């Protein structure tokens, strides 16, 4: 039976799919890295050298193919002279690299 009546209880929204959350987090992470790298005028090769990773690994992160981990965020933040900012939610904009305060 469909519809909602004042005496009926609206069904709860289904829980979010953990796989979709992980994908959105990886995309947010990749966009944050890409934005900060461009702001510094670095190529993927230059950033890879700073971090001690391969260019392919940097490109994989920027394309949303790598889940963010705390150790990886720290390494990248140090190489980008930035702090990592995390906000609630899992969408683009929930992760950012912000320049150290002067």
PDB file of N, CA and C in Angstrom:
ATOM      1  N   UNK A   1       0.854  -1.165   0.000  1.00  0.00           N
ATOM      2  CA  UNK A   1       0.000   0.000   0.000  1.00  0.00           C
ATOM      3  C   UNK A   1       0.905   1.234   0.000  1.00  0.00           C
ATOM      4  N   UNK A   2       0.605   2.208  -0.830  1.00  0.00           N
ATOM      5  CA  UNK A   2       1.457   3.380  -0.951  1.00  0.00           C
ATOM      6  C   UNK A   2       0.869   4.598  -0.268  1.00  0.00           C
ATOM      7  N   UNK A   3       1.644   5.645  -0.247  1.00  0.00           N
ATOM      8  CA  UNK A   3       1.194   6.911   0.324  1.00  0.00           C
ATOM      9  C   UNK A   3       1.539   7.048   1.785  1.00  0.00           C
ATOM     10  N   UNK A   4       1.367   8.251   2.277  1.00  0.00           N
ATOM     11  CA  UNK A   4       1.663   8.533   3.673  1.00  0.00           C
ATOM     12  C   UNK A   4       0.444   9.192   4.294  1.00  0.00           C
ATOM     13  N   UNK A   5       0.071   8.708   5.397  1.00  0.00           N
ATOM     14  CA  UNK A   5      -1.075   9.232   6.118  1.00  0.00           C
ATOM     15  C   UNK A   5      -0.548   9.774   7.432  1.00  0.00           C
ATOM     16  N   UNK A   6      -1.257  10.700   8.027  1.00  0.00           N
ATOM     17  CA  UNK A   6      -0.773  11.295   9.268  1.00  0.00           C
ATOM     18  C   UNK A   6      -0.584  10.261  10.358  1.00  0.00           C
ATOM     19  N   UNK A   7      -1.237   9.149  10.276  1.00  0.00           N
ATOM     20  CA  UNK A   7      -1.088   8.100  11.289  1.00  0.00           C
ATOM     21  C   UNK A   7      -0.041   7.076  10.898  1.00  0.00           C
ATOM     22  N   UNK A   8       0.386   7.124   9.678  1.00  0.00           N
ATOM     23  CA  UNK A   8       1.382   6.168   9.235  1.00  0.00           C
ATOM     24  C   UNK A   8       2.767   6.733   9.514  1.00  0.00           C
ATOM     25  N   UNK A   9       3.683   5.868   9.693  1.00  0.00           N
ATOM     26  CA  UNK A   9       5.069   6.272   9.920  1.00  0.00           C
ATOM     27  C   UNK A   9       5.816   6.164   8.600  1.00  0.00           C
ATOM     28  N   UNK A  10       6.491   7.227   8.267  1.00  0.00           N
ATOM     29  CA  UNK A  10       7.279   7.219   7.032  1.00  0.00           C
ATOM     30  C   UNK A  10       8.458   6.267   7.207  1.00  0.00           C
ATOM     31  N   UNK A  11       8.703   5.423   6.225  1.00  0.00           N
ATOM     32  CA  UNK A  11       9.831   4.490   6.367  1.00  0.00           C
ATOM     33  C   UNK A  11      11.152   5.247   6.430  1.00  0.00           C
ATOM     34  N   UNK A  12      12.093   4.686   7.151  1.00  0.00           N
ATOM     35  CA  UNK A  12      13.409   5.304   7.267  1.00  0.00           C
ATOM     36  C   UNK A  12      14.130   5.218   5.927  1.00  0.00           C
ATOM     37  N   UNK A  13      14.980   6.203   5.680  1.00  0.00           N
ATOM     38  CA  UNK A  13      15.804   6.147   4.482  1.00  0.00           C
ATOM     39  C   UNK A  13      16.769   4.974   4.627  1.00  0.00           C
ATOM     40  N   UNK A  14      17.023   4.276   3.533  1.00  0.00           N
ATOM     41  CA  UNK A  14      17.963   3.156   3.638  1.00  0.00           C
ATOM     42  C   UNK A  14      19.355   3.666   3.992  1.00  0.00           C
ATOM     43  N   UNK A  15      20.136   2.880   4.702  1.00  0.00           N
ATOM     44  CA  UNK A  15      21.495   3.327   5.043  1.00  0.00           C
ATOM     45  C   UNK A  15      22.323   3.493   3.768  1.00  0.00           C
ATOM     46  N   UNK A  16      23.269   4.418   3.836  1.00  0.00           N
ATOM     47  CA  UNK A  16      24.112   4.643   2.666  1.00  0.00           C
ATOM     48  C   UNK A  16      24.990   3.430   2.409  1.00  0.00           C
ATOM     49  N   UNK A  17      25.193   3.173   1.158  1.00  0.00           N
ATOM     50  CA  UNK A  17      26.025   2.057   0.727  1.00  0.00           C
ATOM     51  C   UNK A  17      27.492   2.406   1.002  1.00  0.00           C
ATOM     52  N   UNK A  18      28.188   1.591   1.797  1.00  0.00           N
ATOM     53  CA  UNK A  18      29.597   1.890   2.120  1.00  0.00           C
ATOM     54  C   UNK A  18      30.489   1.999   0.882  1.00  0.00           C
ATOM     55  N   UNK A  19      30.172   1.253  -0.147  1.00  0.00           N
ATOM     56  CA  UNK A  19      30.975   1.317  -1.368  1.00  0.00           C
ATOM     57  C   UNK A  19      30.826   2.682  -2.046  1.00  0.00           C
ATOM     58  N   UNK A  20      29.608   3.207  -2.057  1.00  0.00           N
ATOM     59  CA  UNK A  20      29.390   4.537  -2.641  1.00  0.00           C
ATOM     60  C   UNK A  20      30.079   5.618  -1.817  1.00  0.00           C
ATOM     61  N   UNK A  21      30.061   5.469  -0.508  1.00  0.00           N
ATOM     62  CA  UNK A  21      30.752   6.423   0.369  1.00  0.00           C
ATOM     63  C   UNK A  21      32.244   6.414   0.067  1.00  0.00           C
ATOM     64  N   UNK A  22      32.824   5.225  -0.053  1.00  0.00           N
ATOM     65  CA  UNK A  22      34.259   5.104  -0.336  1.00  0.00           C
ATOM     66  C   UNK A  22      34.612   5.747  -1.677  1.00  0.00           C
ATOM     67  N   UNK A  23      33.749   5.580  -2.667  1.00  0.00           N
ATOM     68  CA  UNK A  23      33.993   6.181  -3.981  1.00  0.00           C
ATOM     69  C   UNK A  23      33.963   7.707  -3.879  1.00  0.00           C
ATOM     70  N   UNK A  24      32.975   8.237  -3.178  1.00  0.00           N
ATOM     71  CA  UNK A  24      32.878   9.700  -3.034  1.00  0.00           C
ATOM     72  C   UNK A  24      34.067  10.256  -2.258  1.00  0.00           C
ATOM     73  N   UNK A  25      34.530   9.540  -1.237  1.00  0.00           N
ATOM     74  CA  UNK A  25      35.697   9.993  -0.472  1.00  0.00           C
ATOM     75  C   UNK A  25      36.942  10.001  -1.341  1.00  0.00           C
ATOM     76  N   UNK A  26      37.120   8.958  -2.154  1.00  0.00           N
ATOM     77  CA  UNK A  26      38.282   8.899  -3.045  1.00  0.00           C
ATOM     78  C   UNK A  26      38.237  10.027  -4.066  1.00  0.00           C
ATOM     79  N   UNK A  27      37.058  10.347  -4.576  1.00  0.00           N
ATOM     80  CA  UNK A  27      36.919  11.446  -5.533  1.00  0.00           C
ATOM     81  C   UNK A  27      37.221  12.797  -4.871  1.00  0.00           C
ATOM     82  N   UNK A  28      36.734  12.989  -3.651  1.00  0.00           N
ATOM     83  CA  UNK A  28      37.005  14.234  -2.921  1.00  0.00           C
ATOM     84  C   UNK A  28      38.500  14.384  -2.658  1.00  0.00           C
ATOM     85  N   UNK A  29      39.142  13.294  -2.284  1.00  0.00           N
ATOM     86  CA  UNK A  29      40.576  13.269  -2.030  1.00  0.00           C
ATOM     87  C   UNK A  29      41.334  13.637  -3.304  1.00  0.00           C
ATOM     88  N   UNK A  30      40.963  13.022  -4.421  1.00  0.00           N
ATOM     89  CA  UNK A  30      41.631  13.291  -5.690  1.00  0.00           C
ATOM     90  C   UNK A  30      41.479  14.732  -6.131  1.00  0.00           C
ATOM     91  N   UNK A  31      40.298  15.277  -5.993  1.00  0.00           N
ATOM     92  CA  UNK A  31      40.061  16.670  -6.384  1.00  0.00           C
ATOM     93  C   UNK A  31      40.865  17.623  -5.512  1.00  0.00           C
ATOM     94  N   UNK A  32      40.920  17.351  -4.215  1.00  0.00           N
ATOM     95  CA  UNK A  32      41.689  18.211  -3.306  1.00  0.00           C
ATOM     96  C   UNK A  32      43.163  18.210  -3.686  1.00  0.00           C
ATOM     97  N   UNK A  33      43.696  17.045  -4.000  1.00  0.00           N
ATOM     98  CA  UNK A  33      45.102  16.942  -4.392  1.00  0.00           C
ATOM     99  C   UNK A  33      45.339  17.691  -5.704  1.00  0.00           C
ATOM    100  N   UNK A  34      44.478  17.469  -6.663  1.00  0.00           N
ATOM    101  CA  UNK A  34      44.591  18.135  -7.961  1.00  0.00           C
ATOM    102  C   UNK A  34      44.551  19.658  -7.808  1.00  0.00           C
ATOM    103  N   UNK A  35      43.589  20.150  -7.040  1.00  0.00           N
ATOM    104  CA  UNK A  35      43.444  21.597  -6.851  1.00  0.00           C
ATOM    105  C   UNK A  35      44.692  22.204  -6.213  1.00  0.00           C
ATOM    106  N   UNK A  36      45.211  21.563  -5.177  1.00  0.00           N
ATOM    107  CA  UNK A  36      46.392  22.112  -4.486  1.00  0.00           C
ATOM    108  C   UNK A  36      47.623  22.034  -5.376  1.00  0.00           C
ATOM    109  N   UNK A  37      47.777  20.929  -6.111  1.00  0.00           N
ATOM    110  CA  UNK A  37      48.923  20.786  -7.005  1.00  0.00           C
ATOM    111  C   UNK A  37      48.907  21.890  -8.060  1.00  0.00           C
ATOM    112  N   UNK A  38      47.748  22.156  -8.639  1.00  0.00           N
ATOM    113  CA  UNK A  38      47.654  23.219  -9.637  1.00  0.00           C
ATOM    114  C   UNK A  38      47.905  24.588  -9.026  1.00  0.00           C
ATOM    115  N   UNK A  39      47.415  24.815  -7.816  1.00  0.00           N
ATOM    116  CA  UNK A  39      47.632  26.104  -7.145  1.00  0.00           C
ATOM    117  C   UNK A  39      49.124  26.363  -6.943  1.00  0.00           C
ATOM    118  N   UNK A  40      49.895  25.306  -6.744  1.00  0.00           N
ATOM    119  CA  UNK A  40      51.344  25.454  -6.569  1.00  0.00           C
ATOM    120  C   UNK A  40      52.088  25.442  -7.895  1.00  0.00           C
ATOM    121  N   UNK A  41      51.389  25.158  -8.984  1.00  0.00           N
ATOM    122  CA  UNK A  41      52.030  25.110 -10.296  1.00  0.00           C
ATOM    123  C   UNK A  41      52.924  23.904 -10.478  1.00  0.00           C
ATOM    124  N   UNK A  42      52.595  22.807  -9.805  1.00  0.00           N
ATOM    125  CA  UNK A  42      53.407  21.594  -9.895  1.00  0.00           C
ATOM    126  C   UNK A  42      52.831  20.630 -10.925  1.00  0.00           C
ATOM    127  N   UNK A  43      53.710  19.918 -11.589  1.00  0.00           N
ATOM    128  CA  UNK A  43      53.275  18.834 -12.467  1.00  0.00           C
ATOM    129  C   UNK A  43      53.125  17.575 -11.607  1.00  0.00           C
ATOM    130  N   UNK A  44      52.512  16.559 -12.174  1.00  0.00           N
ATOM    131  CA  UNK A  44      52.388  15.300 -11.431  1.00  0.00           C
ATOM    132  C   UNK A  44      53.763  14.697 -11.168  1.00  0.00           C
ATOM    133  N   UNK A  45      54.684  14.884 -12.084  1.00  0.00           N
ATOM    134  CA  UNK A  45      56.054  14.377 -11.914  1.00  0.00           C
ATOM    135  C   UNK A  45      56.729  15.081 -10.735  1.00  0.00           C
ATOM    136  N   UNK A  46      56.616  16.404 -10.682  1.00  0.00           N
ATOM    137  CA  UNK A  46      57.245  17.164  -9.598  1.00  0.00           C
ATOM    138  C   UNK A  46      56.664  16.775  -8.239  1.00  0.00           C
ATOM    139  N   UNK A  47      55.335  16.628  -8.170  1.00  0.00           N
ATOM    140  CA  UNK A  47      54.725  16.225  -6.909  1.00  0.00           C
ATOM    141  C   UNK A  47      55.150  14.820  -6.529  1.00  0.00           C
ATOM    142  N   UNK A  48      55.193  13.939  -7.497  1.00  0.00           N
ATOM    143  CA  UNK A  48      55.614  12.557  -7.226  1.00  0.00           C
ATOM    144  C   UNK A  48      57.025  12.530  -6.640  1.00  0.00           C
ATOM    145  N   UNK A  49      57.904  13.360  -7.171  1.00  0.00           N
ATOM    146  CA  UNK A  49      59.272  13.421  -6.641  1.00  0.00           C
ATOM    147  C   UNK A  49      59.289  13.941  -5.212  1.00  0.00           C
ATOM    148  N   UNK A  50      58.478  14.951  -4.919  1.00  0.00           N
ATOM    149  CA  UNK A  50      58.417  15.504  -3.564  1.00  0.00           C
ATOM    150  C   UNK A  50      57.926  14.470  -2.554  1.00  0.00           C
ATOM    151  N   UNK A  51      56.971  13.644  -2.979  1.00  0.00           N
ATOM    152  CA  UNK A  51      56.341  12.688  -2.068  1.00  0.00           C
ATOM    153  C   UNK A  51      57.078  11.354  -2.036  1.00  0.00           C
ATOM    154  N   UNK A  52      57.864  11.073  -3.056  1.00  0.00           N
ATOM    155  CA  UNK A  52      58.526   9.779  -3.137  1.00  0.00           C
ATOM    156  C   UNK A  52      57.598   8.707  -3.685  1.00  0.00           C
ATOM    157  N   UNK A  53      56.754   9.114  -4.616  1.00  0.00           N
ATOM    158  CA  UNK A  53      55.817   8.196  -5.260  1.00  0.00           C
ATOM    159  C   UNK A  53      56.067   8.260  -6.758  1.00  0.00           C
ATOM    160  N   UNK A  54      55.337   7.443  -7.495  1.00  0.00           N
ATOM    161  CA  UNK A  54      55.424   7.496  -8.941  1.00  0.00           C
ATOM    162  C   UNK A  54      54.386   8.475  -9.489  1.00  0.00           C
ATOM    163  N   UNK A  55      54.630   8.930 -10.710  1.00  0.00           N
ATOM    164  CA  UNK A  55      53.666   9.802 -11.371  1.00  0.00           C
ATOM    165  C   UNK A  55      52.338   9.065 -11.526  1.00  0.00           C
ATOM    166  N   UNK A  56      52.391   7.785 -11.848  1.00  0.00           N
ATOM    167  CA  UNK A  56      51.161   6.996 -11.993  1.00  0.00           C
ATOM    168  C   UNK A  56      50.356   6.959 -10.699  1.00  0.00           C
ATOM    169  N   UNK A  57      51.037   6.867  -9.563  1.00  0.00           N
ATOM    170  CA  UNK A  57      50.345   6.830  -8.271  1.00  0.00           C
ATOM    171  C   UNK A  57      49.642   8.164  -8.005  1.00  0.00           C
ATOM    172  N   UNK A  58      50.302   9.267  -8.333  1.00  0.00           N
ATOM    173  CA  UNK A  58      49.681  10.592  -8.157  1.00  0.00           C
ATOM    174  C   UNK A  58      48.470  10.720  -9.063  1.00  0.00           C
ATOM    175  N   UNK A  59      48.612  10.310 -10.312  1.00  0.00           N
ATOM    176  CA  UNK A  59      47.480  10.377 -11.247  1.00  0.00           C
ATOM    177  C   UNK A  59      46.329   9.493 -10.783  1.00  0.00           C
ATOM    178  N   UNK A  60      46.629   8.336 -10.241  1.00  0.00           N
ATOM    179  CA  UNK A  60      45.593   7.436  -9.731  1.00  0.00           C
ATOM    180  C   UNK A  60      44.815   8.101  -8.589  1.00  0.00           C
ATOM    181  N   UNK A  61      45.524   8.772  -7.701  1.00  0.00           N
ATOM    182  CA  UNK A  61      44.859   9.479  -6.599  1.00  0.00           C
ATOM    183  C   UNK A  61      43.951  10.565  -7.160  1.00  0.00           C
ATOM    184  N   UNK A  62      44.484  11.366  -8.073  1.00  0.00           N
ATOM    185  CA  UNK A  62      43.719  12.488  -8.634  1.00  0.00           C
ATOM    186  C   UNK A  62      42.485  12.020  -9.404  1.00  0.00           C
ATOM    187  N   UNK A  63      42.518  10.820  -9.927  1.00  0.00           N
ATOM    188  CA  UNK A  63      41.375  10.276 -10.669  1.00  0.00           C
ATOM    189  C   UNK A  63      40.367   9.578  -9.755  1.00  0.00           C
ATOM    190  N   UNK A  64      40.636   9.588  -8.456  1.00  0.00           N
ATOM    191  CA  UNK A  64      39.708   8.974  -7.515  1.00  0.00           C
ATOM    192  C   UNK A  64      39.914   7.484  -7.341  1.00  0.00           C
ATOM    193  N   UNK A  65      41.069   6.990  -7.701  1.00  0.00           N
ATOM    194  CA  UNK A  65      41.325   5.556  -7.616  1.00  0.00           C
ATOM    195  C   UNK A  65      42.016   5.100  -6.352  1.00  0.00           C
ATOM    196  N   UNK A  66      42.225   6.010  -5.398  1.00  0.00           N
ATOM    197  CA  UNK A  66      42.920   5.670  -4.160  1.00  0.00           C
ATOM    198  C   UNK A  66      42.131   6.186  -2.971  1.00  0.00           C
ATOM    199  N   UNK A  67      41.887   5.302  -2.042  1.00  0.00           N
ATOM    200  CA  UNK A  67      41.192   5.710  -0.814  1.00  0.00           C
ATOM    201  C   UNK A  67      42.153   6.499   0.068  1.00  0.00           C
ATOM    202  N   UNK A  68      41.684   7.604   0.653  1.00  0.00           N
ATOM    203  CA  UNK A  68      42.567   8.393   1.514  1.00  0.00           C
ATOM    204  C   UNK A  68      42.859   7.659   2.820  1.00  0.00           C
ATOM    205  N   UNK A  69      44.112   7.659   3.199  1.00  0.00           N
ATOM    206  CA  UNK A  69      44.511   7.125   4.502  1.00  0.00           C
ATOM    207  C   UNK A  69      45.239   8.236   5.243  1.00  0.00           C
ATOM    208  N   UNK A  70      45.281   8.142   6.536  1.00  0.00           N
ATOM    209  CA  UNK A  70      45.944   9.186   7.328  1.00  0.00           C
ATOM    210  C   UNK A  70      47.427   9.301   6.969  1.00  0.00           C
ATOM    211  N   UNK A  71      48.187   8.201   6.890  1.00  0.00           N
ATOM    212  CA  UNK A  71      49.599   8.357   6.520  1.00  0.00           C
ATOM    213  C   UNK A  71      49.793   8.998   5.145  1.00  0.00           C
ATOM    214  N   UNK A  72      48.953   8.631   4.174  1.00  0.00           N
ATOM    215  CA  UNK A  72      49.072   9.210   2.838  1.00  0.00           C
ATOM    216  C   UNK A  72      48.705  10.692   2.850  1.00  0.00           C
ATOM    217  N   UNK A  73      47.653  11.052   3.568  1.00  0.00           N
ATOM    218  CA  UNK A  73      47.282  12.463   3.684  1.00  0.00           C
ATOM    219  C   UNK A  73      48.415  13.274   4.298  1.00  0.00           C
ATOM    220  N   UNK A  74      49.073  12.732   5.313  1.00  0.00           N
ATOM    221  CA  UNK A  74      50.187  13.441   5.959  1.00  0.00           C
ATOM    222  C   UNK A  74      51.352  13.643   5.003  1.00  0.00           C
ATOM    223  N   UNK A  75      51.718  12.594   4.265  1.00  0.00           N
ATOM    224  CA  UNK A  75      52.830  12.691   3.307  1.00  0.00           C
ATOM    225  C   UNK A  75      52.537  13.747   2.249  1.00  0.00           C
ATOM    226  N   UNK A  76      51.322  13.708   1.718  1.00  0.00           N
ATOM    227  CA  UNK A  76      50.960  14.664   0.674  1.00  0.00           C
ATOM    228  C   UNK A  76      50.891  16.083   1.223  1.00  0.00           C
ATOM    229  N   UNK A  77      50.344  16.252   2.401  1.00  0.00           N
ATOM    230  CA  UNK A  77      50.251  17.585   3.003  1.00  0.00           C
ATOM    231  C   UNK A  77      51.646  18.178   3.196  1.00  0.00           C
ATOM    232  N   UNK A  78      52.580  17.375   3.659  1.00  0.00           N
ATOM    233  CA  UNK A  78      53.950  17.858   3.846  1.00  0.00           C
ATOM    234  C   UNK A  78      54.567  18.275   2.504  1.00  0.00           C
ATOM    235  N   UNK A  79      54.343  17.480   1.474  1.00  0.00           N
ATOM    236  CA  UNK A  79      54.899  17.788   0.152  1.00  0.00           C
ATOM    237  C   UNK A  79      54.241  19.012  -0.468  1.00  0.00           C
ATOM    238  N   UNK A  80      53.001  19.302  -0.073  1.00  0.00           N
ATOM    239  CA  UNK A  80      52.259  20.432  -0.629  1.00  0.00           C
ATOM    240  C   UNK A  80      52.316  21.671   0.261  1.00  0.00           C
ATOM    241  N   UNK A  81      53.134  21.623   1.333  1.00  0.00           N
ATOM    242  CA  UNK A  81      53.223  22.731   2.281  1.00  0.00           C
ATOM    243  C   UNK A  81      51.829  23.169   2.727  1.00  0.00           C
ATOM    244  N   UNK A  82      51.044  22.200   3.148  1.00  0.00           N
ATOM    245  CA  UNK A  82      49.642  22.471   3.455  1.00  0.00           C
ATOM    246  C   UNK A  82      49.179  21.671   4.662  1.00  0.00           C
ATOM    247  N   UNK A  83      48.027  22.066   5.165  1.00  0.00           N
ATOM    248  CA  UNK A  83      47.317  21.311   6.194  1.00  0.00           C
ATOM    249  C   UNK A  83      46.150  20.612   5.519  1.00  0.00           C
ATOM    250  N   UNK A  84      45.792  19.461   6.042  1.00  0.00           N
ATOM    251  CA  UNK A  84      44.631  18.739   5.525  1.00  0.00           C
ATOM    252  C   UNK A  84      43.414  19.174   6.317  1.00  0.00           C
ATOM    253  N   UNK A  85      42.339  19.487   5.622  1.00  0.00           N
ATOM    254  CA  UNK A  85      41.070  19.850   6.257  1.00  0.00           C
ATOM    255  C   UNK A  85      40.024  18.827   5.853  1.00  0.00           C
ATOM    256  N   UNK A  86      39.379  18.241   6.850  1.00  0.00           N
ATOM    257  CA  UNK A  86      38.301  17.288   6.614  1.00  0.00           C
ATOM    258  C   UNK A  86      37.027  17.858   7.216  1.00  0.00           C
ATOM    259  N   UNK A  87      35.956  17.808   6.462  1.00  0.00           N
ATOM    260  CA  UNK A  87      34.663  18.253   6.968  1.00  0.00           C
ATOM    261  C   UNK A  87      33.708  17.070   6.934  1.00  0.00           C
ATOM    262  N   UNK A  88      32.576  17.233   7.592  1.00  0.00           N
ATOM    263  CA  UNK A  88      31.610  16.145   7.594  1.00  0.00           C
ATOM    264  C   UNK A  88      31.082  15.931   6.183  1.00  0.00           C
ATOM    265  N   UNK A  89      30.612  14.768   5.936  1.00  0.00           N
ATOM    266  CA  UNK A  89      30.128  14.417   4.609  1.00  0.00           C
ATOM    267  C   UNK A  89      31.200  13.680   3.848  1.00  0.00           C
ATOM    268  N   UNK A  90      30.830  13.229   2.680  1.00  0.00           N
ATOM    269  CA  UNK A  90      31.740  12.421   1.873  1.00  0.00           C
ATOM    270  C   UNK A  90      31.848  12.943   0.446  1.00  0.00           C
ATOM    271  N   UNK A  91      31.337  14.135   0.196  1.00  0.00           N
ATOM    272  CA  UNK A  91      31.305  14.644  -1.161  1.00  0.00           C
ATOM    273  C   UNK A  91      32.506  15.525  -1.468  1.00  0.00           C
ATOM    274  N   UNK A  92      32.634  15.883  -2.740  1.00  0.00           N
ATOM    275  CA  UNK A  92      33.709  16.773  -3.168  1.00  0.00           C
ATOM    276  C   UNK A  92      33.637  18.020  -2.305  1.00  0.00           C
ATOM    277  N   UNK A  93      34.767  18.438  -1.815  1.00  0.00           N
ATOM    278  CA  UNK A  93      34.806  19.577  -0.912  1.00  0.00           C
ATOM    279  C   UNK A  93      34.945  19.162   0.543  1.00  0.00           C
ATOM    280  N   UNK A  94      34.766  17.881   0.823  1.00  0.00           N
ATOM    281  CA  UNK A  94      34.889  17.426   2.211  1.00  0.00           C
ATOM    282  C   UNK A  94      36.352  17.197   2.594  1.00  0.00           C
ATOM    283  N   UNK A  95      37.244  17.216   1.629  1.00  0.00           N
ATOM    284  CA  UNK A  95      38.691  17.118   1.866  1.00  0.00           C
ATOM    285  C   UNK A  95      39.344  18.284   1.150  1.00  0.00           C
ATOM    286  N   UNK A  96      40.280  18.932   1.821  1.00  0.00           N
ATOM    287  CA  UNK A  96      41.029  20.001   1.149  1.00  0.00           C
ATOM    288  C   UNK A  96      42.424  20.099   1.733  1.00  0.00           C
ATOM    289  N   UNK A  97      43.320  20.616   0.926  1.00  0.00           N
ATOM    290  CA  UNK A  97      44.675  20.932   1.357  1.00  0.00           C
ATOM    291  C   UNK A  97      44.754  22.458   1.382  1.00  0.00           C
ATOM    292  N   UNK A  98      45.019  23.034   2.531  1.00  0.00           N
ATOM    293  CA  UNK A  98      45.082  24.475   2.673  1.00  0.00           C
ATOM    294  C   UNK A  98      46.500  24.885   3.031  1.00  0.00           C
ATOM    295  N   UNK A  99      46.968  25.931   2.365  1.00  0.00           N
ATOM    296  CA  UNK A  99      48.327  26.421   2.598  1.00  0.00           C
ATOM    297  C   UNK A  99      48.547  26.721   4.064  1.00  0.00           C
ATOM    298  N   UNK A 100      49.768  26.443   4.540  1.00  0.00           N
ATOM    299  CA  UNK A 100      50.101  26.791   5.923  1.00  0.00           C
ATOM    300  C   UNK A 100      49.904  28.284   6.121  1.00  0.00           C
ATOM    301  N   UNK A 101      49.440  28.651   7.304  1.00  0.00           N
ATOM    302  CA  UNK A 101      49.277  30.076   7.621  1.00  0.00           C
ATOM    303  C   UNK A 101      50.637  30.745   7.628  1.00  0.00           C
ATOM    304  N   UNK A 102      50.687  31.932   7.103  1.00  0.00           N
ATOM    305  CA  UNK A 102      51.973  32.652   7.002  1.00  0.00           C
ATOM    306  C   UNK A 102      52.366  33.263   8.319  1.00  0.00           C
TER     307      UNK A 102
END
